[in-house]
Structures are given as C-alpha cells and as structure tokens.
Amino acid sequence: MGRKITMTGSNARYIEHRGYDAVPDEDWEILMEGDEAEYQEHFYGPSESIAQKRTEYGLTELTSGVEKVRPFFWSDSSMAFIFCVCRDCFNYANNMSQFEREFNCREGLVSNTFRNNPYMYLPIDKWGQNGAKERVLRLVEAYKTAIKEHSLE
C-alpha cells in the first residue's frame, strides 16, 4: 500500500533521506497545498564508481587482510576505516556492532571513530576531498590491495 503525503501548512517542508541500498517507493502520492510547500529527497550511498567496483569477499579474506596492513595502523581506531572499506568495496553488509565482534574490536570503537570523523559517512572515494588524513588514505589503499592480492592466491 502506498503512502499519501499532504502538505497544507505555510512553508511546509518534507525532506526524505534515503540510505544505501534503499528502494524508492513507486506507489505514493504527494499533495502540496501549503504556501511555499517544499519536498526534497536525498540519497546517500556509494558513488557509482565504487558501486561498479564492488566485489563480495568472505569474512576469512577480510579478516586476513587486516593482518597484512597492521603496519599502517596508528591506533585501534584504524579498524573503523577498515569497516568502511569492507562496506564500500567488498559488500560487507553487517552493521558496526557485528563488525566489531567479527574482527575482535572493542565495543563502540567504530561508532566513536565515526563521530570524530564525519567524512566516514561518505563513500571512501570522497574522503580525500572532505578532510581525511593522508595516513587514512594510505591505509584504505593498502587494505584494498591486500584483499585483492589475497583473492588471487
């Protein structure tokens, strides 16, 4: 059953934010009766360049890749950046908490790192232009390379 959205107030606004892999609704009706009523729709997810390069890897490959890039780590929070690479490049579909359990991280590590680095909500190919440090970008590239090399073995 579709949704019906009626906007009647003065300067009424409806803003919808859709996350990664959201399926847009086709069967809904929007009626805008208010003065200057406004409807906005925003989509957040990996850019097309990342989405086209996504490949699915198993947990074994993803966790073994971490050991290969340990020299690039500067603290435990480096694992949060690994989470983003898994999410954006290797079809890792689990949430942050599950990632922390599967990769033996301290509880809350990933979400706390996200709070301190808001660019992490963006696809990784946008990080450089949004303030990511060079060490983060090096770690991302090293991990992607390690996973791809492991899959060739």
Protein backbone atom coordinates (compact mmCIF):
# COMPACT_ATOMS: atom_id res chain seq x y z
CA MET A 1 0.00 0.00 0.00
CA GLY A 2 1.40 3.38 -0.97
CA ARG A 3 1.90 6.43 1.17
CA LYS A 4 -0.04 9.64 0.83
CA ILE A 5 1.68 12.85 1.90
CA THR A 6 -0.41 16.02 2.14
CA MET A 7 1.37 19.25 2.99
CA THR A 8 -1.00 22.04 3.99
CA GLY A 9 0.82 24.39 6.34
CA SER A 10 2.51 27.63 5.40
CA ASN A 11 6.11 26.86 4.42
CA ALA A 12 5.56 23.13 4.98
CA ARG A 13 8.63 21.00 4.24
CA TYR A 14 9.07 17.29 3.75
CA ILE A 15 12.64 16.09 3.47
CA GLU A 16 13.37 12.41 2.99
CA HIS A 17 16.84 10.95 3.43
CA ARG A 18 17.43 7.52 1.95
CA GLY A 19 20.36 5.38 2.90
CA TYR A 20 22.47 2.99 0.95
CA ASP A 21 20.50 0.25 -0.87
CA ALA A 22 17.13 1.94 -0.14
CA VAL A 23 14.42 1.04 -2.60
CA PRO A 24 12.33 4.06 -3.58
CA ASP A 25 8.57 3.81 -3.28
CA GLU A 26 6.73 3.98 -6.58
CA ASP A 27 3.14 4.00 -5.32
CA TRP A 28 2.71 7.15 -3.30
CA GLU A 29 1.05 10.47 -3.77
CA ILE A 30 2.34 13.85 -2.64
CA LEU A 31 -0.13 16.73 -2.46
CA MET A 32 1.35 20.15 -1.70
CA GLU A 33 -1.34 22.65 -0.72
CA GLY A 34 0.62 24.92 1.63
CA ASP A 35 2.19 28.22 0.64
CA GLU A 36 5.75 27.57 -0.45
CA ALA A 37 5.47 23.85 0.41
CA GLU A 38 8.70 22.07 -0.36
CA TYR A 39 9.58 18.42 -0.97
CA GLN A 40 13.18 17.18 -1.05
CA GLU A 41 14.60 13.72 -1.50
CA HIS A 42 18.25 12.87 -0.76
CA PHE A 43 20.07 9.61 -1.47
CA TYR A 44 23.23 8.62 0.38
CA GLY A 45 25.38 5.71 -0.63
CA PRO A 46 28.46 4.70 -2.52
CA SER A 47 29.16 6.68 -5.63
CA GLU A 48 28.74 4.90 -8.95
CA SER A 49 32.48 4.40 -9.33
CA ILE A 50 32.59 2.47 -6.05
CA ALA A 51 29.34 0.61 -6.68
CA GLN A 52 30.66 -0.67 -10.01
CA LYS A 53 33.87 -1.95 -8.41
CA ARG A 54 32.18 -3.81 -5.53
CA THR A 55 33.03 -7.45 -5.16
CA GLU A 56 31.89 -9.83 -2.47
CA TYR A 57 34.53 -11.42 -0.26
CA GLY A 58 34.15 -13.78 2.64
CA LEU A 59 34.89 -12.98 6.24
CA THR A 60 38.08 -15.06 6.10
CA GLU A 61 39.55 -12.92 3.32
CA LEU A 62 38.50 -9.68 5.00
CA THR A 63 39.96 -10.58 8.40
CA SER A 64 43.20 -11.98 6.98
CA GLY A 65 43.68 -8.75 5.04
CA VAL A 66 43.72 -6.84 8.33
CA GLU A 67 46.85 -8.65 9.46
CA LYS A 68 48.63 -7.69 6.25
CA VAL A 69 48.02 -3.96 6.83
CA ARG A 70 48.75 -3.77 10.58
CA PRO A 71 51.94 -1.75 9.86
CA PHE A 72 49.66 1.03 8.51
CA PHE A 73 47.66 1.22 11.78
CA TRP A 74 48.22 4.20 14.10
CA SER A 75 45.72 3.12 16.79
CA ASP A 76 42.80 0.77 17.39
CA SER A 77 40.53 3.27 15.62
CA SER A 78 42.16 2.24 12.33
CA MET A 79 39.73 -0.67 12.33
CA ALA A 80 36.84 1.75 11.78
CA PHE A 81 38.39 2.73 8.46
CA ILE A 82 38.71 -0.96 7.59
CA PHE A 83 34.96 -1.25 8.28
CA CYS A 84 34.27 1.46 5.70
CA VAL A 85 36.42 -0.22 3.05
CA CYS A 86 34.59 -3.51 3.68
CA ARG A 87 31.26 -1.68 3.45
CA ASP A 88 32.03 0.32 0.30
CA CYS A 89 34.25 -2.03 -1.70
CA PHE A 90 33.69 -5.60 -0.58
CA ASN A 91 29.91 -5.91 0.00
CA TYR A 92 30.20 -6.23 3.78
CA ALA A 93 26.53 -5.99 4.77
CA ASN A 94 26.72 -6.29 8.56
CA ASN A 95 26.42 -3.36 10.94
CA MET A 96 29.16 -1.79 13.07
CA SER A 97 28.46 -3.94 16.13
CA GLN A 98 28.66 -7.15 14.14
CA PHE A 99 31.89 -5.95 12.52
CA GLU A 100 33.37 -5.29 15.98
CA ARG A 101 32.52 -8.85 17.07
CA GLU A 102 33.77 -10.50 13.87
CA PHE A 103 37.01 -8.50 13.76
CA ASN A 104 37.65 -8.64 17.55
CA CYS A 105 37.34 -4.89 18.16
CA ARG A 106 36.46 -3.11 21.35
CA GLU A 107 32.69 -2.46 21.60
CA GLY A 108 31.78 1.04 20.35
CA LEU A 109 35.11 1.58 18.60
CA VAL A 110 33.67 2.04 15.11
CA SER A 111 30.78 4.34 16.07
CA ASN A 112 33.05 6.52 18.23
CA THR A 113 35.50 6.89 15.35
CA PHE A 114 32.63 7.87 13.04
CA ARG A 115 31.62 10.63 15.47
CA ASN A 116 35.11 12.10 15.35
CA ASN A 117 35.46 11.79 11.55
CA PRO A 118 32.16 12.77 9.88
CA TYR A 119 33.53 12.18 6.37
CA MET A 120 33.34 8.44 7.16
CA TYR A 121 29.61 8.56 6.41
CA LEU A 122 30.55 9.37 2.80
CA PRO A 123 31.77 6.85 0.22
CA ILE A 124 35.53 6.32 0.59
CA ASP A 125 36.32 7.89 -2.78
CA LYS A 126 35.06 11.22 -1.35
CA TRP A 127 37.20 11.17 1.79
CA GLY A 128 40.26 12.92 0.40
CA GLN A 129 38.31 15.99 -0.60
CA ASN A 130 36.46 16.04 2.73
CA GLY A 131 39.37 16.18 5.15
CA ALA A 132 40.72 12.65 5.52
CA LYS A 133 44.35 12.50 6.58
CA GLU A 134 46.95 11.02 4.27
CA ARG A 135 47.54 8.08 6.64
CA VAL A 136 43.84 7.16 6.33
CA LEU A 137 44.02 7.18 2.54
CA ARG A 138 47.19 5.05 2.61
CA LEU A 139 45.53 2.52 4.91
CA VAL A 140 42.46 2.34 2.65
CA GLU A 141 44.56 1.66 -0.45
CA ALA A 142 46.78 -0.85 1.35
CA TYR A 143 43.78 -2.81 2.62
CA LYS A 144 42.06 -2.87 -0.77
CA THR A 145 45.30 -4.12 -2.33
CA ALA A 146 45.79 -6.78 0.36
CA ILE A 147 42.28 -8.16 -0.16
CA LYS A 148 42.61 -8.24 -3.93
CA GLU A 149 46.03 -9.94 -3.74
CA HIS A 150 44.65 -12.50 -1.27
CA SER A 151 41.84 -13.36 -3.68
CA LEU A 152 44.41 -14.08 -6.41
CA GLU A 153 46.27 -16.61 -4.25
